[in-house]
Structures are given as structure tokens and as C-alpha cells.
Amino acid sequence: MLTPGASPRIVYKTHIVYWSFAVKLSKQTQYGLQILLQLARHARTSQLATGKQIARQQSVNEPYVEQLVAPLKRGGLVQTVRGRHGGYTLGKAPGQITVLDVIESFEGSLELVNDDNRTANGAGVEIVWRHLAVGLREAAAGITLASILENQNEGMPDYII
């Protein structure tokens, strides 16, 4: 196990992120998570969320909402209902949808090491990247929509800077 030299950067309930390296996620992934959270909140009313409602809430246009929902639908995270009273709803319970699911719907498998570029000289460093990738995957898999909503209801997560 790697022992980070820095103090914790962010505390999110039970998750502590020690490293301050950046994993750049696309804007689509960020919107995807926001849309799923919106659908989770909307599900409490037992009504479908329309593309127009999502677009208004996310400050994007309706065709872009359709583009954003497509990978979520392929991943089984969103269901669509066509017709006059149609719209979008979650494909699974909020407690079964993780941040990792969202990331992988848009970005593919979450890996920090490209096996094509492996060299004998970089083998020691590759282990570091693999440990970081495992930690990142575990952290993302441990955060569900339900836990995010619970944190929002209790207030913002504790940030330690």
C-alpha cells in the first residue's frame, strides 16, 4: 500500500483523497452525473423528467441532453419513455448507481497506465500508477447517487484544505 506524504486534501464522508493529482473528466461526464442526480431527485415524485426540464436545470439545450443521455441509457443507468407523457427516469435505484458507473459510461475503463507503453525501465513507476488507479476506482465505486443526495441533504461535504 502506498503511504502518501501529504495530508488529506478532501474528506467526503468515508473517502479521503490524499493525492493532489488530476484526473481530467470530460464535461459530458460531469453533466452526466448532474443529470443522474436530477433524475434521482425527480424520481421521488414518481414522475418522469422531460428533456426540456433537464435542459433548463442544466443550462444546456435539449438536443445536447439527448446526446448526454445516450451513453447513460446504453449503460443501463437511464430509461426513456417515449410519447406525449414520456421522459427520463433512472434505470437502477440511486444506491446502485456509482460514480464509477458514470465515469465508465462516458470515458470507458478508468485506467492510468497504458499497457502499450510499458518498458522495463518504467516497471517500478507502473506499480505506482496501478495502485493509484485501484484507489481511484475503489473511491469512485464507493460513491453512489444515494450517498451524494444524502450528503446534499445534510449539507456540503467537509473540505479540508
N, C-alpha and C. Protein backbone atom coordinates (compact mmCIF):
# COMPACT_ATOMS: atom_id res chain seq x y z
N MET A 1 0.84 -1.19 0.00
CA MET A 1 0.00 0.00 0.00
C MET A 1 0.87 1.23 0.00
N LEU A 2 0.51 2.21 -0.77
CA LEU A 2 1.27 3.45 -0.83
C LEU A 2 0.94 4.32 0.37
N THR A 3 1.95 4.93 0.93
CA THR A 3 1.73 5.86 2.03
C THR A 3 1.94 7.27 1.51
N PRO A 4 0.89 8.01 1.36
CA PRO A 4 1.02 9.36 0.84
C PRO A 4 1.77 10.26 1.80
N GLY A 5 2.54 11.17 1.26
CA GLY A 5 3.30 12.09 2.10
C GLY A 5 2.53 13.33 2.47
N ALA A 6 1.45 13.58 1.78
CA ALA A 6 0.68 14.81 2.03
C ALA A 6 -0.47 14.54 2.98
N SER A 7 -0.93 15.59 3.60
CA SER A 7 -2.11 15.47 4.46
C SER A 7 -3.35 15.36 3.58
N PRO A 8 -4.49 14.92 4.15
CA PRO A 8 -5.69 14.76 3.33
C PRO A 8 -6.09 16.06 2.65
N ARG A 9 -6.55 15.93 1.41
CA ARG A 9 -6.98 17.09 0.64
C ARG A 9 -8.49 17.29 0.75
N ILE A 10 -9.25 16.22 0.58
CA ILE A 10 -10.70 16.31 0.61
C ILE A 10 -11.24 15.16 1.44
N VAL A 11 -12.15 15.47 2.34
CA VAL A 11 -12.83 14.42 3.10
C VAL A 11 -14.26 14.38 2.61
N TYR A 12 -14.70 13.24 2.11
CA TYR A 12 -16.05 13.08 1.60
C TYR A 12 -16.65 11.89 2.32
N LYS A 13 -17.34 12.17 3.41
CA LYS A 13 -17.88 11.12 4.29
C LYS A 13 -16.75 10.17 4.67
N THR A 14 -16.73 8.96 4.10
CA THR A 14 -15.72 7.98 4.48
C THR A 14 -14.55 7.94 3.51
N HIS A 15 -14.55 8.78 2.51
CA HIS A 15 -13.50 8.75 1.50
C HIS A 15 -12.53 9.90 1.72
N ILE A 16 -11.26 9.59 1.79
CA ILE A 16 -10.24 10.62 1.93
C ILE A 16 -9.33 10.53 0.71
N VAL A 17 -9.18 11.63 0.03
CA VAL A 17 -8.30 11.67 -1.13
C VAL A 17 -7.02 12.36 -0.69
N TYR A 18 -5.90 11.65 -0.73
CA TYR A 18 -4.63 12.19 -0.25
C TYR A 18 -3.80 12.85 -1.34
N TRP A 19 -3.93 12.36 -2.55
CA TRP A 19 -3.07 12.84 -3.61
C TRP A 19 -3.73 13.99 -4.33
N SER A 20 -2.92 14.91 -4.76
CA SER A 20 -3.48 16.05 -5.49
C SER A 20 -3.15 15.96 -6.97
N PHE A 21 -3.21 14.74 -7.52
CA PHE A 21 -3.02 14.60 -8.96
C PHE A 21 -4.37 14.79 -9.63
N ALA A 22 -4.34 15.18 -10.89
CA ALA A 22 -5.58 15.48 -11.59
C ALA A 22 -5.94 14.34 -12.53
N VAL A 23 -7.17 13.94 -12.47
CA VAL A 23 -7.74 13.04 -13.46
C VAL A 23 -8.80 13.88 -14.15
N LYS A 24 -8.54 14.22 -15.38
CA LYS A 24 -9.45 15.13 -16.08
C LYS A 24 -10.60 14.34 -16.67
N LEU A 25 -11.79 14.67 -16.21
CA LEU A 25 -13.00 14.06 -16.74
C LEU A 25 -13.65 15.05 -17.69
N SER A 26 -14.28 14.51 -18.72
CA SER A 26 -14.91 15.38 -19.71
C SER A 26 -16.10 16.12 -19.10
N LYS A 27 -16.45 17.21 -19.73
CA LYS A 27 -17.62 17.97 -19.31
C LYS A 27 -18.87 17.10 -19.43
N GLN A 28 -18.89 16.19 -20.41
CA GLN A 28 -20.02 15.29 -20.58
C GLN A 28 -20.19 14.38 -19.37
N THR A 29 -19.08 13.90 -18.82
CA THR A 29 -19.15 13.06 -17.63
C THR A 29 -19.71 13.86 -16.46
N GLN A 30 -19.28 15.09 -16.33
CA GLN A 30 -19.77 15.94 -15.25
C GLN A 30 -21.27 16.21 -15.42
N TYR A 31 -21.69 16.53 -16.64
CA TYR A 31 -23.12 16.72 -16.89
C TYR A 31 -23.89 15.42 -16.65
N GLY A 32 -23.30 14.30 -17.06
CA GLY A 32 -23.96 13.01 -16.87
C GLY A 32 -24.28 12.75 -15.41
N LEU A 33 -23.31 13.02 -14.53
CA LEU A 33 -23.55 12.84 -13.10
C LEU A 33 -24.63 13.80 -12.61
N GLN A 34 -24.58 15.04 -13.06
CA GLN A 34 -25.60 16.02 -12.65
C GLN A 34 -26.99 15.61 -13.11
N ILE A 35 -27.09 15.08 -14.33
CA ILE A 35 -28.39 14.63 -14.84
C ILE A 35 -28.91 13.47 -14.01
N LEU A 36 -28.04 12.52 -13.69
CA LEU A 36 -28.47 11.38 -12.88
C LEU A 36 -28.94 11.83 -11.50
N LEU A 37 -28.25 12.79 -10.92
CA LEU A 37 -28.69 13.31 -9.62
C LEU A 37 -30.04 14.01 -9.75
N GLN A 38 -30.22 14.75 -10.84
CA GLN A 38 -31.50 15.40 -11.09
C GLN A 38 -32.61 14.35 -11.23
N LEU A 39 -32.34 13.27 -11.96
CA LEU A 39 -33.33 12.20 -12.12
C LEU A 39 -33.62 11.50 -10.80
N ALA A 40 -32.60 11.34 -9.97
CA ALA A 40 -32.80 10.71 -8.66
C ALA A 40 -33.70 11.57 -7.78
N ARG A 41 -33.49 12.89 -7.81
CA ARG A 41 -34.35 13.79 -7.05
C ARG A 41 -35.77 13.77 -7.62
N HIS A 42 -35.86 13.75 -8.94
CA HIS A 42 -37.16 13.77 -9.62
C HIS A 42 -37.93 12.47 -9.38
N ALA A 43 -37.22 11.37 -9.20
CA ALA A 43 -37.87 10.06 -9.00
C ALA A 43 -38.71 10.03 -7.73
N ARG A 44 -38.38 10.88 -6.79
CA ARG A 44 -39.16 10.93 -5.54
C ARG A 44 -40.60 11.35 -5.79
N THR A 45 -40.83 12.04 -6.91
CA THR A 45 -42.19 12.50 -7.24
C THR A 45 -42.94 11.47 -8.08
N SER A 46 -42.28 10.38 -8.45
CA SER A 46 -42.85 9.31 -9.29
C SER A 46 -43.25 9.81 -10.67
N GLN A 47 -42.66 10.90 -11.12
CA GLN A 47 -42.93 11.41 -12.46
C GLN A 47 -41.65 11.34 -13.28
N LEU A 48 -41.81 11.27 -14.58
CA LEU A 48 -40.67 11.29 -15.48
C LEU A 48 -40.17 12.72 -15.64
N ALA A 49 -38.88 12.86 -15.83
CA ALA A 49 -38.29 14.18 -16.11
C ALA A 49 -38.22 14.33 -17.63
N THR A 50 -38.68 15.43 -18.13
CA THR A 50 -38.64 15.67 -19.57
C THR A 50 -37.27 16.22 -19.97
N GLY A 51 -36.97 16.09 -21.26
CA GLY A 51 -35.73 16.66 -21.77
C GLY A 51 -35.68 18.15 -21.57
N LYS A 52 -36.83 18.79 -21.70
CA LYS A 52 -36.91 20.25 -21.50
C LYS A 52 -36.58 20.62 -20.05
N GLN A 53 -37.10 19.85 -19.09
CA GLN A 53 -36.81 20.12 -17.67
C GLN A 53 -35.33 19.94 -17.38
N ILE A 54 -34.75 18.86 -17.90
CA ILE A 54 -33.33 18.60 -17.68
C ILE A 54 -32.49 19.71 -18.32
N ALA A 55 -32.83 20.08 -19.55
CA ALA A 55 -32.09 21.13 -20.26
C ALA A 55 -32.12 22.44 -19.47
N ARG A 56 -33.28 22.79 -18.98
CA ARG A 56 -33.42 24.03 -18.21
C ARG A 56 -32.58 23.97 -16.93
N GLN A 57 -32.65 22.86 -16.22
CA GLN A 57 -31.91 22.71 -14.96
C GLN A 57 -30.39 22.72 -15.18
N GLN A 58 -29.95 22.11 -16.29
CA GLN A 58 -28.51 22.02 -16.55
C GLN A 58 -27.97 23.18 -17.40
N SER A 59 -28.87 24.06 -17.82
CA SER A 59 -28.50 25.21 -18.67
C SER A 59 -27.83 24.77 -19.98
N VAL A 60 -28.42 23.77 -20.60
CA VAL A 60 -27.96 23.30 -21.91
C VAL A 60 -29.19 23.17 -22.81
N ASN A 61 -28.97 22.94 -24.10
CA ASN A 61 -30.13 22.78 -24.99
C ASN A 61 -30.60 21.32 -25.00
N GLU A 62 -31.82 21.14 -25.45
CA GLU A 62 -32.45 19.82 -25.41
C GLU A 62 -31.74 18.77 -26.27
N PRO A 63 -31.27 19.12 -27.47
CA PRO A 63 -30.53 18.11 -28.25
C PRO A 63 -29.26 17.63 -27.53
N TYR A 64 -28.61 18.52 -26.78
CA TYR A 64 -27.42 18.12 -26.03
C TYR A 64 -27.80 17.16 -24.91
N VAL A 65 -28.95 17.36 -24.29
CA VAL A 65 -29.43 16.44 -23.25
C VAL A 65 -29.57 15.04 -23.86
N GLU A 66 -30.12 14.96 -25.06
CA GLU A 66 -30.28 13.66 -25.72
C GLU A 66 -28.92 12.99 -25.95
N GLN A 67 -27.92 13.79 -26.34
CA GLN A 67 -26.56 13.25 -26.52
C GLN A 67 -25.98 12.76 -25.20
N LEU A 68 -26.23 13.50 -24.14
CA LEU A 68 -25.70 13.13 -22.83
C LEU A 68 -26.38 11.88 -22.27
N VAL A 69 -27.66 11.74 -22.54
CA VAL A 69 -28.42 10.61 -22.00
C VAL A 69 -28.08 9.30 -22.73
N ALA A 70 -27.67 9.39 -24.00
CA ALA A 70 -27.41 8.18 -24.80
C ALA A 70 -26.42 7.21 -24.13
N PRO A 71 -25.23 7.64 -23.69
CA PRO A 71 -24.32 6.70 -23.04
C PRO A 71 -24.86 6.18 -21.70
N LEU A 72 -25.63 7.01 -21.01
CA LEU A 72 -26.22 6.59 -19.74
C LEU A 72 -27.27 5.51 -19.99
N LYS A 73 -28.00 5.66 -21.07
CA LYS A 73 -29.00 4.66 -21.44
C LYS A 73 -28.32 3.35 -21.83
N ARG A 74 -27.25 3.44 -22.64
CA ARG A 74 -26.51 2.23 -23.03
C ARG A 74 -25.96 1.50 -21.81
N GLY A 75 -25.57 2.24 -20.80
CA GLY A 75 -25.04 1.64 -19.57
C GLY A 75 -26.11 1.16 -18.61
N GLY A 76 -27.38 1.32 -18.97
CA GLY A 76 -28.47 0.88 -18.11
C GLY A 76 -28.75 1.80 -16.94
N LEU A 77 -28.17 3.01 -16.97
CA LEU A 77 -28.34 3.94 -15.86
C LEU A 77 -29.59 4.80 -16.01
N VAL A 78 -30.07 4.93 -17.25
CA VAL A 78 -31.26 5.74 -17.55
C VAL A 78 -32.19 4.93 -18.43
N GLN A 79 -33.48 5.11 -18.20
CA GLN A 79 -34.51 4.54 -19.07
C GLN A 79 -35.29 5.70 -19.68
N THR A 80 -35.72 5.50 -20.91
CA THR A 80 -36.52 6.53 -21.57
C THR A 80 -37.91 5.97 -21.86
N VAL A 81 -38.88 6.84 -21.78
CA VAL A 81 -40.26 6.50 -22.13
C VAL A 81 -40.68 7.47 -23.22
N ARG A 82 -41.07 6.94 -24.35
CA ARG A 82 -41.48 7.78 -25.48
C ARG A 82 -42.95 8.16 -25.35
N GLY A 83 -43.31 9.18 -26.10
CA GLY A 83 -44.71 9.57 -26.15
C GLY A 83 -44.97 10.92 -25.53
N ARG A 84 -46.23 11.28 -25.56
CA ARG A 84 -46.64 12.60 -25.08
C ARG A 84 -46.30 12.82 -23.60
N HIS A 85 -46.42 11.79 -22.81
CA HIS A 85 -46.10 11.90 -21.38
C HIS A 85 -44.78 11.20 -21.07
N GLY A 86 -43.92 11.12 -22.06
CA GLY A 86 -42.64 10.44 -21.90
C GLY A 86 -41.61 11.29 -21.19
N GLY A 87 -40.45 10.71 -21.03
CA GLY A 87 -39.35 11.40 -20.37
C GLY A 87 -38.29 10.42 -19.95
N TYR A 88 -37.53 10.82 -18.96
CA TYR A 88 -36.39 10.03 -18.49
C TYR A 88 -36.58 9.67 -17.02
N THR A 89 -36.05 8.50 -16.67
CA THR A 89 -36.03 8.06 -15.28
C THR A 89 -34.77 7.23 -15.07
N LEU A 90 -34.42 6.99 -13.83
CA LEU A 90 -33.25 6.17 -13.54
C LEU A 90 -33.50 4.73 -13.96
N GLY A 91 -32.46 4.07 -14.44
CA GLY A 91 -32.54 2.67 -14.82
C GLY A 91 -32.31 1.74 -13.65
N LYS A 92 -31.76 2.26 -12.57
CA LYS A 92 -31.49 1.49 -11.35
C LYS A 92 -31.80 2.40 -10.16
N ALA A 93 -31.84 1.80 -8.99
CA ALA A 93 -32.03 2.57 -7.77
C ALA A 93 -30.80 3.47 -7.54
N PRO A 94 -30.98 4.65 -6.93
CA PRO A 94 -29.85 5.55 -6.68
C PRO A 94 -28.71 4.91 -5.88
N GLY A 95 -29.03 3.96 -5.03
CA GLY A 95 -27.99 3.27 -4.26
C GLY A 95 -27.20 2.27 -5.07
N GLN A 96 -27.65 1.98 -6.29
CA GLN A 96 -26.96 1.02 -7.15
C GLN A 96 -26.16 1.69 -8.27
N ILE A 97 -26.25 2.98 -8.38
CA ILE A 97 -25.50 3.71 -9.42
C ILE A 97 -24.33 4.42 -8.75
N THR A 98 -23.12 4.09 -9.20
CA THR A 98 -21.92 4.67 -8.61
C THR A 98 -21.31 5.72 -9.54
N VAL A 99 -20.44 6.52 -8.98
CA VAL A 99 -19.70 7.49 -9.77
C VAL A 99 -18.84 6.75 -10.81
N LEU A 100 -18.34 5.58 -10.45
CA LEU A 100 -17.57 4.78 -11.41
C LEU A 100 -18.43 4.40 -12.62
N ASP A 101 -19.68 4.03 -12.39
CA ASP A 101 -20.59 3.72 -13.50
C ASP A 101 -20.71 4.90 -14.45
N VAL A 102 -20.83 6.08 -13.89
CA VAL A 102 -20.98 7.29 -14.71
C VAL A 102 -19.71 7.56 -15.50
N ILE A 103 -18.57 7.51 -14.82
CA ILE A 103 -17.29 7.75 -15.49
C ILE A 103 -17.10 6.76 -16.64
N GLU A 104 -17.35 5.48 -16.37
CA GLU A 104 -17.11 4.47 -17.40
C GLU A 104 -18.13 4.55 -18.53
N SER A 105 -19.31 5.11 -18.28
CA SER A 105 -20.28 5.30 -19.37
C SER A 105 -19.78 6.30 -20.40
N PHE A 106 -19.04 7.30 -19.94
CA PHE A 106 -18.56 8.35 -20.84
C PHE A 106 -17.10 8.19 -21.23
N GLU A 107 -16.27 7.75 -20.31
CA GLU A 107 -14.82 7.74 -20.53
C GLU A 107 -14.26 6.37 -20.89
N GLY A 108 -15.04 5.31 -20.70
CA GLY A 108 -14.51 3.97 -20.86
C GLY A 108 -13.87 3.52 -19.55
N SER A 109 -13.10 2.45 -19.61
CA SER A 109 -12.48 1.90 -18.41
C SER A 109 -11.52 2.91 -17.80
N LEU A 110 -11.57 3.04 -16.49
CA LEU A 110 -10.75 4.01 -15.77
C LEU A 110 -9.37 3.41 -15.51
N GLU A 111 -8.43 3.76 -16.35
CA GLU A 111 -7.06 3.25 -16.23
C GLU A 111 -6.09 4.42 -16.28
N LEU A 112 -5.00 4.33 -15.52
CA LEU A 112 -3.98 5.37 -15.54
C LEU A 112 -2.74 4.92 -16.30
N VAL A 113 -2.63 3.62 -16.60
CA VAL A 113 -1.45 3.06 -17.24
C VAL A 113 -1.86 2.46 -18.58
N ASN A 114 -1.11 2.80 -19.61
CA ASN A 114 -1.34 2.24 -20.93
C ASN A 114 -0.37 1.08 -21.11
N ASP A 115 -0.87 -0.14 -21.21
CA ASP A 115 -0.01 -1.32 -21.34
C ASP A 115 0.84 -1.28 -22.61
N ASP A 116 0.43 -0.55 -23.62
CA ASP A 116 1.19 -0.46 -24.86
C ASP A 116 2.53 0.25 -24.67
N ASN A 117 2.61 1.10 -23.66
CA ASN A 117 3.83 1.90 -23.45
C ASN A 117 4.70 1.36 -22.32
N ARG A 118 4.48 0.13 -21.91
CA ARG A 118 5.23 -0.44 -20.79
C ARG A 118 6.68 -0.70 -21.22
N THR A 119 7.63 -0.30 -20.38
CA THR A 119 9.04 -0.56 -20.64
C THR A 119 9.66 -1.17 -19.40
N ALA A 120 10.80 -1.82 -19.56
CA ALA A 120 11.49 -2.43 -18.42
C ALA A 120 11.92 -1.36 -17.42
N ASN A 121 12.34 -0.20 -17.91
CA ASN A 121 12.79 0.87 -17.03
C ASN A 121 11.66 1.50 -16.24
N GLY A 122 10.44 1.41 -16.74
CA GLY A 122 9.30 2.03 -16.07
C GLY A 122 8.50 1.10 -15.19
N ALA A 123 8.98 -0.13 -14.99
CA ALA A 123 8.20 -1.13 -14.24
C ALA A 123 7.89 -0.67 -12.82
N GLY A 124 8.84 -0.05 -12.13
CA GLY A 124 8.60 0.41 -10.76
C GLY A 124 7.57 1.51 -10.69
N VAL A 125 7.62 2.41 -11.66
CA VAL A 125 6.66 3.51 -11.71
C VAL A 125 5.28 2.99 -12.08
N GLU A 126 5.24 1.97 -12.93
CA GLU A 126 3.96 1.39 -13.34
C GLU A 126 3.18 0.87 -12.14
N ILE A 127 3.89 0.32 -11.16
CA ILE A 127 3.24 -0.18 -9.95
C ILE A 127 2.56 0.97 -9.21
N VAL A 128 3.22 2.11 -9.16
CA VAL A 128 2.63 3.29 -8.51
C VAL A 128 1.33 3.67 -9.21
N TRP A 129 1.38 3.75 -10.55
CA TRP A 129 0.18 4.11 -11.31
C TRP A 129 -0.94 3.10 -11.10
N ARG A 130 -0.60 1.84 -11.04
CA ARG A 130 -1.62 0.81 -10.84
C ARG A 130 -2.27 0.94 -9.45
N HIS A 131 -1.45 1.22 -8.43
CA HIS A 131 -2.00 1.44 -7.08
C HIS A 131 -2.94 2.64 -7.07
N LEU A 132 -2.52 3.71 -7.73
CA LEU A 132 -3.37 4.89 -7.79
C LEU A 132 -4.66 4.60 -8.54
N ALA A 133 -4.57 3.86 -9.63
CA ALA A 133 -5.77 3.51 -10.40
C ALA A 133 -6.73 2.68 -9.57
N VAL A 134 -6.19 1.72 -8.81
CA VAL A 134 -7.05 0.89 -7.95
C VAL A 134 -7.73 1.77 -6.90
N GLY A 135 -6.97 2.66 -6.28
CA GLY A 135 -7.55 3.55 -5.28
C GLY A 135 -8.62 4.46 -5.85
N LEU A 136 -8.37 4.97 -7.04
CA LEU A 136 -9.34 5.84 -7.70
C LEU A 136 -10.61 5.07 -8.05
N ARG A 137 -10.44 3.86 -8.59
CA ARG A 137 -11.60 3.02 -8.93
C ARG A 137 -12.41 2.69 -7.68
N GLU A 138 -11.72 2.32 -6.60
CA GLU A 138 -12.42 1.98 -5.36
C GLU A 138 -13.17 3.18 -4.80
N ALA A 139 -12.55 4.35 -4.85
CA ALA A 139 -13.22 5.55 -4.35
C ALA A 139 -14.46 5.86 -5.19
N ALA A 140 -14.32 5.81 -6.51
CA ALA A 140 -15.45 6.11 -7.40
C ALA A 140 -16.55 5.06 -7.27
N ALA A 141 -16.17 3.81 -7.05
CA ALA A 141 -17.17 2.73 -6.90
C ALA A 141 -17.87 2.82 -5.55
N GLY A 142 -17.27 3.50 -4.60
CA GLY A 142 -17.85 3.60 -3.26
C GLY A 142 -18.79 4.78 -3.08
N ILE A 143 -18.92 5.61 -4.09
CA ILE A 143 -19.80 6.78 -4.01
C ILE A 143 -21.01 6.53 -4.90
N THR A 144 -22.17 6.46 -4.30
CA THR A 144 -23.41 6.23 -5.05
C THR A 144 -24.21 7.52 -5.16
N LEU A 145 -25.17 7.51 -6.07
CA LEU A 145 -26.06 8.67 -6.16
C LEU A 145 -26.76 8.90 -4.83
N ALA A 146 -27.17 7.80 -4.19
CA ALA A 146 -27.87 7.92 -2.90
C ALA A 146 -26.99 8.60 -1.86
N SER A 147 -25.70 8.25 -1.83
CA SER A 147 -24.81 8.87 -0.83
C SER A 147 -24.58 10.34 -1.14
N ILE A 148 -24.51 10.69 -2.42
CA ILE A 148 -24.35 12.10 -2.79
C ILE A 148 -25.58 12.89 -2.36
N LEU A 149 -26.76 12.35 -2.65
CA LEU A 149 -28.00 13.03 -2.26
C LEU A 149 -28.10 13.16 -0.74
N GLU A 150 -27.68 12.12 -0.05
CA GLU A 150 -27.71 12.15 1.42
C GLU A 150 -26.79 13.26 1.93
N ASN A 151 -25.61 13.38 1.34
CA ASN A 151 -24.68 14.44 1.73
C ASN A 151 -25.25 15.82 1.42
N GLN A 152 -25.94 15.94 0.28
CA GLN A 152 -26.54 17.23 -0.06
C GLN A 152 -27.64 17.59 0.92
N ASN A 153 -28.38 16.59 1.38
CA ASN A 153 -29.44 16.85 2.35
C ASN A 153 -28.87 17.24 3.71
N GLU A 154 -27.70 16.70 4.04
CA GLU A 154 -27.07 17.03 5.32
C GLU A 154 -26.23 18.29 5.22
N GLY A 155 -26.02 18.78 4.03
CA GLY A 155 -25.13 19.91 3.82
C GLY A 155 -23.98 19.47 2.95
N MET A 156 -23.11 20.37 2.67
CA MET A 156 -21.99 20.10 1.78
C MET A 156 -20.97 19.19 2.46
N PRO A 157 -20.19 18.41 1.65
CA PRO A 157 -19.15 17.58 2.24
C PRO A 157 -18.10 18.44 2.92
N ASP A 158 -17.38 17.86 3.87
CA ASP A 158 -16.33 18.58 4.58
C ASP A 158 -15.09 18.65 3.70
N TYR A 159 -14.62 19.85 3.43
CA TYR A 159 -13.41 20.02 2.65
C TYR A 159 -12.31 20.48 3.59
N ILE A 160 -11.19 19.78 3.55
CA ILE A 160 -10.03 20.17 4.34
C ILE A 160 -8.97 20.66 3.37
N ILE A 161 -8.57 21.88 3.55
CA ILE A 161 -7.59 22.46 2.62
C ILE A 161 -6.31 22.76 3.37
